[in-house]
Protein backbone atom coordinates (compact mmCIF):
# COMPACT_ATOMS: atom_id res chain seq x y z
CA MET A 1 8.92 16.63 6.72
CA ILE A 2 10.10 15.05 3.48
CA GLU A 3 9.87 17.45 0.54
CA ASN A 4 8.37 16.70 -2.86
CA ILE A 5 6.31 13.69 -1.72
CA GLY A 6 2.97 13.44 -3.53
CA THR A 7 1.83 9.87 -2.88
CA ALA A 8 2.09 7.50 0.06
CA ASP A 9 1.35 3.77 0.22
CA ILE A 10 1.61 1.07 2.87
CA ILE A 11 2.51 -2.55 2.23
CA MET A 12 0.56 -4.38 4.90
CA CYS A 13 1.67 -7.90 5.56
CA ARG A 14 0.73 -10.70 7.88
CA ILE A 15 2.05 -14.18 8.62
CA VAL A 16 -0.33 -17.06 7.98
CA ASP A 17 0.86 -20.63 8.59
CA GLY A 18 4.46 -19.44 8.32
CA ASN A 19 3.90 -17.69 4.98
CA VAL A 20 4.06 -13.95 4.34
CA GLU A 21 0.95 -12.43 2.77
CA ILE A 22 0.44 -8.87 1.56
CA LEU A 23 -2.79 -6.99 1.01
CA LEU A 24 -3.48 -5.61 -2.46
CA THR A 25 -6.40 -3.64 -3.84
CA LEU A 26 -7.85 -4.10 -7.31
CA ARG A 27 -8.42 -0.75 -8.99
CA SER A 28 -11.93 -0.27 -10.33
CA PRO A 29 -12.33 -0.63 -14.11
CA THR A 30 -13.03 3.11 -14.50
CA SER A 31 -9.90 4.21 -12.60
CA PHE A 32 -6.53 4.95 -14.16
CA GLN A 33 -4.71 1.59 -14.41
CA GLY A 34 -8.11 -0.07 -13.90
CA ASN A 35 -8.40 -3.80 -13.23
CA LYS A 36 -4.86 -3.92 -11.89
CA TRP A 37 -3.68 -4.71 -8.37
CA CYS A 38 -1.82 -2.17 -6.27
CA ILE A 39 -0.55 -1.38 -2.80
CA PRO A 40 -3.16 0.57 -0.80
CA GLY A 41 -2.43 4.29 -0.71
CA GLY A 42 -2.69 7.36 -2.88
CA HIS A 43 -2.28 11.10 -3.23
CA LEU A 44 -1.49 13.27 -0.23
CA ASN A 45 -3.41 16.39 0.63
CA ASP A 46 -1.53 19.70 0.63
CA ASN A 47 0.95 19.86 3.54
CA GLU A 48 -0.15 16.44 4.80
CA ASP A 49 2.38 14.34 6.68
CA PRO A 50 3.17 11.36 4.40
CA LEU A 51 2.64 8.71 7.09
CA GLU A 52 -0.66 10.26 8.21
CA GLY A 53 -1.71 10.50 4.55
CA ALA A 54 -0.83 6.85 3.94
CA ILE A 55 -2.85 5.81 7.01
CA ARG A 56 -5.78 7.94 5.77
CA GLU A 57 -5.61 6.47 2.26
CA VAL A 58 -5.49 2.89 3.57
CA LYS A 59 -8.57 3.58 5.72
CA GLU A 60 -10.42 5.17 2.79
CA GLU A 61 -9.60 2.35 0.36
CA THR A 62 -9.77 -0.71 2.62
CA GLY A 63 -11.59 0.26 5.79
CA ILE A 64 -8.52 -0.76 7.81
CA TYR A 65 -7.47 1.90 10.33
CA LEU A 66 -3.80 1.56 11.19
CA GLN A 67 -3.49 4.37 13.75
CA SER A 68 -3.22 1.92 16.67
CA VAL A 69 -0.24 0.19 15.02
CA LYS A 70 1.37 3.39 13.73
CA HIS A 71 4.50 2.61 15.75
CA LYS A 72 4.89 -0.60 13.69
CA ILE A 73 4.87 1.23 10.32
CA PHE A 74 8.30 1.80 8.81
CA LYS A 75 9.52 3.77 5.81
CA LEU A 76 10.52 1.34 3.10
CA LEU A 77 11.59 3.59 0.25
CA ILE A 78 11.08 6.83 -1.61
CA SER A 79 10.53 6.21 -5.31
CA GLN A 80 11.49 8.40 -8.22
CA ILE A 81 9.34 11.24 -9.49
CA ASN A 82 6.26 9.32 -10.49
CA ASP A 83 3.34 11.55 -11.30
CA HIS A 84 2.17 14.44 -13.45
CA ARG A 85 2.88 16.88 -10.59
CA ASN A 86 6.60 15.98 -10.52
CA LYS A 87 6.20 14.48 -7.07
CA CYS A 88 7.86 11.41 -5.58
CA GLY A 89 6.15 8.52 -3.85
CA ILE A 90 6.89 7.08 -0.44
CA THR A 91 6.10 3.53 0.56
CA TYR A 92 5.85 2.26 4.11
CA SER A 93 5.56 -1.30 5.36
CA CYS A 94 3.78 -2.78 8.33
CA LEU A 95 3.58 -6.29 9.75
CA LEU A 96 0.14 -6.54 11.30
CA PRO A 97 0.25 -8.16 14.74
CA ASP A 98 -1.75 -11.37 15.20
CA GLU A 99 -4.07 -9.64 17.65
CA PHE A 100 -4.80 -6.70 15.30
CA GLU A 101 -8.51 -6.71 14.49
CA TYR A 102 -9.90 -5.20 11.31
CA LYS A 103 -12.72 -5.48 8.84
CA ILE A 104 -12.07 -4.99 5.14
CA ILE A 105 -14.49 -2.56 3.51
CA PRO A 106 -13.58 -1.73 -0.13
CA GLN A 107 -14.03 1.85 -1.24
CA GLN A 108 -16.74 1.71 -3.87
CA THR A 109 -15.39 4.31 -6.32
CA GLU A 110 -11.73 3.31 -6.67
CA VAL A 111 -11.49 -0.28 -5.44
CA SER A 112 -13.34 -3.28 -6.85
CA ASP A 113 -11.65 -6.01 -4.77
CA ILE A 114 -9.20 -6.45 -1.89
CA ARG A 115 -7.25 -9.66 -1.28
CA TRP A 116 -4.41 -11.09 0.73
CA PHE A 117 -1.80 -12.64 -1.56
CA ASP A 118 0.79 -15.21 -0.55
CA ALA A 119 4.27 -13.86 -1.34
CA LYS A 120 4.73 -16.65 -3.89
CA LYS A 121 1.45 -15.88 -5.69
CA ILE A 122 1.61 -12.12 -6.35
CA PRO A 123 -0.03 -11.43 -9.77
CA TYR A 124 2.94 -9.43 -11.08
CA ASP A 125 1.54 -9.43 -14.62
CA LYS A 126 -1.49 -7.49 -13.33
CA ILE A 127 0.17 -4.93 -11.02
CA ALA A 128 -0.42 -1.17 -11.48
CA PHE A 129 2.13 1.63 -11.52
CA ASP A 130 5.61 0.71 -10.22
CA HIS A 131 4.14 -1.39 -7.43
CA GLY A 132 5.58 -4.65 -8.77
CA ASP A 133 9.09 -3.25 -8.37
CA ILE A 134 8.22 -1.93 -4.91
CA ILE A 135 6.85 -5.31 -3.81
CA ASN A 136 9.99 -7.05 -5.10
CA TYR A 137 12.13 -4.53 -3.19
CA PHE A 138 10.09 -5.18 -0.04
CA PHE A 139 10.61 -8.95 -0.26
CA LYS A 140 14.34 -8.51 -0.89
CA LYS A 141 14.63 -6.31 2.21
CA LEU A 142 12.53 -8.80 4.18
CA THR A 143 14.83 -11.72 3.40
CA LYS A 144 18.10 -9.87 4.20
């Protein structure tokens, strides 16, 4: 298990008409960094495996359960210490298969909207936390 990990997120992407899209959640106005877009994910429970925690957080925030495509989720990066608990964040990425079925159900307390964004139309000026940098890193790795 990776030590000192406190948060885990998953960049979920899909291909639509040859274009890459990623799913972002809009934080509710009353949340920290409210009214800003972010990668689905969040804080891990004590002693929780980061990947399992990321899958749990995605389900809680979006209604999308990724357990059946767990084998398609890959570690993207571990970010610097990023929270008040001196913990690092880990981000995973996953290309959803065409046949993957899901229904988006926003979590009412933390999420006010969920949208797929074309890679060329990410609202970088309205991104929470360090997620803009993480998304840029993801697209750089994707095009290598």
